[in-house]
Structure formats: C-alpha cells, structure tokens
C-alpha cells in the first residue's frame, strides 16, 4: 500500500477516535458503508475518492481541507 494510504489510514483512525466515534458511528454519519470504512482504516483498499473524503469530513465535522492537510505524503 502506498505511503499516502498508510498516512491517511492513521489520520482517519486518529480523527475518528479523537471524536469518540466508533467505525459504525462514523460510517453512519458519513453515509458510507461500514465495511468500506474498515478497509480504509486497515489500508485494505485503494485511495478514497474525493466524494468519499467529502462524506468523511462531514461525518467528522471538519473541513475536507483539514482532513487532507494532515496526510503526510512523505511518510515512510
């Protein structure tokens, strides 16, 4: 899996847990499939689409800019 996907998975889980949300709750708030959210957090899927990023940012109650700006594109 790419470094960006690994970084995104870590950030997504960190943001979700910092908001006190379970995967099920975030999936419902975001309008995405729970199994897909599991795959995103475990790096078992390709990069999320812009539409998915938008839905996740709505579920997390943050801007899409705040969501993607935390991704470390240089992570090892």
Protein backbone atom coordinates (compact mmCIF):
# COMPACT_ATOMS: atom_id res chain seq x y z
CA UNK A 1 0.00 0.00 0.00
CA UNK A 2 1.28 3.49 -0.74
CA UNK A 3 2.70 5.80 1.90
CA UNK A 4 -0.19 8.19 1.34
CA UNK A 5 -2.75 5.45 2.01
CA UNK A 6 -0.90 4.42 5.17
CA UNK A 7 -0.82 8.00 6.38
CA UNK A 8 -4.49 8.51 5.54
CA UNK A 9 -5.48 5.34 7.41
CA UNK A 10 -3.65 6.52 10.53
CA UNK A 11 -5.11 10.04 10.34
CA UNK A 12 -8.64 8.76 9.75
CA UNK A 13 -8.49 6.47 12.78
CA UNK A 14 -6.93 9.20 14.94
CA UNK A 15 -9.60 11.73 13.96
CA UNK A 16 -12.41 9.22 14.47
CA UNK A 17 -11.21 8.14 17.91
CA UNK A 18 -10.48 11.72 18.99
CA UNK A 19 -14.15 12.48 18.28
CA UNK A 20 -15.18 9.46 20.36
CA UNK A 21 -16.76 7.70 17.38
CA UNK A 22 -16.83 4.02 16.55
CA UNK A 23 -16.36 2.90 12.97
CA UNK A 24 -20.06 2.13 12.80
CA UNK A 25 -20.99 5.62 14.01
CA UNK A 26 -18.67 7.39 11.59
CA UNK A 27 -19.90 5.25 8.71
CA UNK A 28 -23.50 6.18 9.53
CA UNK A 29 -22.72 9.88 9.97
CA UNK A 30 -20.75 9.90 6.73
CA UNK A 31 -23.20 7.86 4.69
CA UNK A 32 -20.59 5.32 3.69
CA UNK A 33 -20.53 1.57 4.08
CA UNK A 34 -19.14 0.34 7.40
CA UNK A 35 -17.06 -2.37 5.69
CA UNK A 36 -15.52 0.24 3.39
CA UNK A 37 -14.57 2.40 6.37
CA UNK A 38 -12.93 -0.65 7.96
CA UNK A 39 -10.93 -1.17 4.78
CA UNK A 40 -9.86 2.47 4.68
CA UNK A 41 -8.58 2.31 8.24
CA UNK A 42 -6.81 -1.01 7.70
CA UNK A 43 -5.30 0.07 4.36
CA UNK A 44 -7.07 -2.75 2.51
CA UNK A 45 -8.42 -0.63 -0.31
CA UNK A 46 -7.30 1.90 -2.86
CA UNK A 47 -7.24 5.61 -2.16
CA UNK A 48 -10.64 7.12 -1.33
CA UNK A 49 -12.38 9.24 -3.93
CA UNK A 50 -12.97 12.95 -3.46
CA UNK A 51 -16.63 12.14 -2.81
CA UNK A 52 -15.66 9.74 -0.01
CA UNK A 53 -13.30 12.32 1.51
CA UNK A 54 -16.14 14.84 1.46
CA UNK A 55 -18.50 12.40 3.18
CA UNK A 56 -15.90 11.56 5.83
CA UNK A 57 -15.24 15.24 6.52
CA UNK A 58 -18.98 15.77 7.02
CA UNK A 59 -19.15 12.81 9.39
CA UNK A 60 -16.13 14.07 11.32
CA UNK A 61 -17.47 17.65 11.30
CA UNK A 62 -14.26 19.06 9.87
CA UNK A 63 -13.48 20.66 6.54
CA UNK A 64 -12.20 18.48 3.75
CA UNK A 65 -9.11 20.73 3.74
CA UNK A 66 -8.46 19.92 7.40
CA UNK A 67 -8.85 16.23 6.64
CA UNK A 68 -6.44 16.04 3.73
CA UNK A 69 -3.93 18.56 5.06
CA UNK A 70 -3.00 16.16 7.85
CA UNK A 71 -1.91 13.42 5.45
CA UNK A 72 1.87 13.06 5.44
CA UNK A 73 2.78 12.49 1.82
CA UNK A 74 6.39 11.86 2.79
CA UNK A 75 5.75 9.18 5.42
CA UNK A 76 7.95 6.10 5.30
